[in-house]
Protein backbone atom coordinates (compact mmCIF):
# COMPACT_ATOMS: atom_id res chain seq x y z
CA GLY A 1 -10.75 -15.48 8.43
CA LYS A 2 -7.27 -15.40 9.97
CA VAL A 3 -4.13 -14.35 8.08
CA VAL A 4 -1.66 -17.22 8.13
CA SER A 5 0.89 -15.87 5.66
CA ASP A 6 1.87 -12.36 4.53
CA ARG A 7 5.11 -13.22 2.70
CA MET A 8 3.84 -12.44 -0.84
CA MET A 9 3.99 -8.95 -2.27
CA GLY A 10 0.52 -7.45 -1.95
CA THR A 11 -1.19 -10.78 -1.14
CA VAL A 12 -2.04 -12.63 2.07
CA VAL A 13 -3.27 -16.19 2.70
CA VAL A 14 -6.40 -16.26 4.80
CA GLU A 15 -7.49 -19.52 6.54
CA ARG A 16 -11.24 -19.88 7.02
CA ASP A 17 -12.53 -22.57 9.41
CA TYR A 18 -16.00 -24.09 8.93
CA LEU A 19 -18.04 -27.13 9.98
CA HIS A 20 -18.93 -29.83 7.49
CA TYR A 21 -21.80 -32.25 8.24
CA VAL A 22 -21.09 -35.98 8.01
CA GLY A 23 -24.43 -37.70 7.61
CA LYS A 24 -23.21 -41.24 8.26
CA TYR A 25 -22.11 -40.33 11.76
CA ASN A 26 -24.66 -37.54 12.37
CA ARG A 27 -21.88 -35.19 13.41
CA TYR A 28 -19.85 -32.25 12.18
CA GLU A 29 -16.14 -32.15 11.36
CA LYS A 30 -13.89 -29.15 11.33
CA ARG A 31 -12.46 -28.19 7.96
CA SER A 32 -10.46 -25.18 6.77
CA SER A 33 -9.87 -23.50 3.42
CA ARG A 34 -6.94 -21.30 2.50
CA ILE A 35 -7.85 -18.31 0.36
CA HIS A 36 -5.38 -16.00 -1.37
CA ALA A 37 -6.53 -12.39 -0.97
CA HIS A 38 -5.13 -9.07 -2.25
CA ASN A 39 -3.73 -6.93 0.59
CA PRO A 40 -4.09 -3.25 -0.37
CA PRO A 41 -1.41 -0.77 0.80
CA CYS A 42 -4.04 1.16 2.81
CA ILE A 43 -4.84 -1.93 4.93
CA GLN A 44 -1.58 -3.87 5.30
CA ALA A 45 -2.87 -6.92 7.22
CA LYS A 46 -0.20 -8.84 9.12
CA ASN A 47 0.18 -12.46 10.28
CA GLY A 48 -2.39 -13.34 13.00
CA ASP A 49 -4.83 -10.60 12.10
CA THR A 50 -8.53 -11.48 11.76
CA VAL A 51 -9.76 -9.96 8.51
CA LYS A 52 -12.91 -9.65 6.44
CA ILE A 53 -12.52 -10.52 2.74
CA ALA A 54 -14.78 -9.97 -0.26
CA GLU A 55 -14.87 -11.59 -3.69
CA CYS A 56 -13.71 -9.50 -6.65
CA ARG A 57 -12.57 -9.97 -10.27
CA PRO A 58 -9.56 -12.31 -10.78
CA LEU A 59 -6.45 -10.28 -9.92
CA SER A 60 -4.07 -13.20 -10.71
CA LYS A 61 -4.19 -16.95 -11.31
CA THR A 62 -5.03 -17.68 -7.60
CA THR A 63 -6.21 -14.35 -6.20
CA THR A 64 -9.92 -13.51 -6.53
CA PHE A 65 -10.56 -11.98 -3.11
CA VAL A 66 -9.57 -8.68 -1.51
CA VAL A 67 -9.07 -7.77 2.19
CA VAL A 68 -11.84 -5.27 3.06
CA GLU A 69 -10.99 -4.59 6.73
CA VAL A 70 -8.98 -5.76 9.70
CA GLN A 71 -11.30 -6.77 12.51
CA GLN A 72 -8.68 -7.72 15.12
CA SER A 73 -4.92 -7.32 15.26
């Protein structure tokens, strides 16, 4: 996904776009989900970066993912 916010300490918000099928119209619609992910000090992803995230144990109330690597800056 793409990092849309890095203002939290040690956490980034990653927006993931996907297609959802609407059977009534036999078409797809674009949707997006915003996922809070832990941003380790060794990675330090910034706004606009494309990152890979992985699920992990709950780190806080909303954070259950961690940034694994930065694919594009």
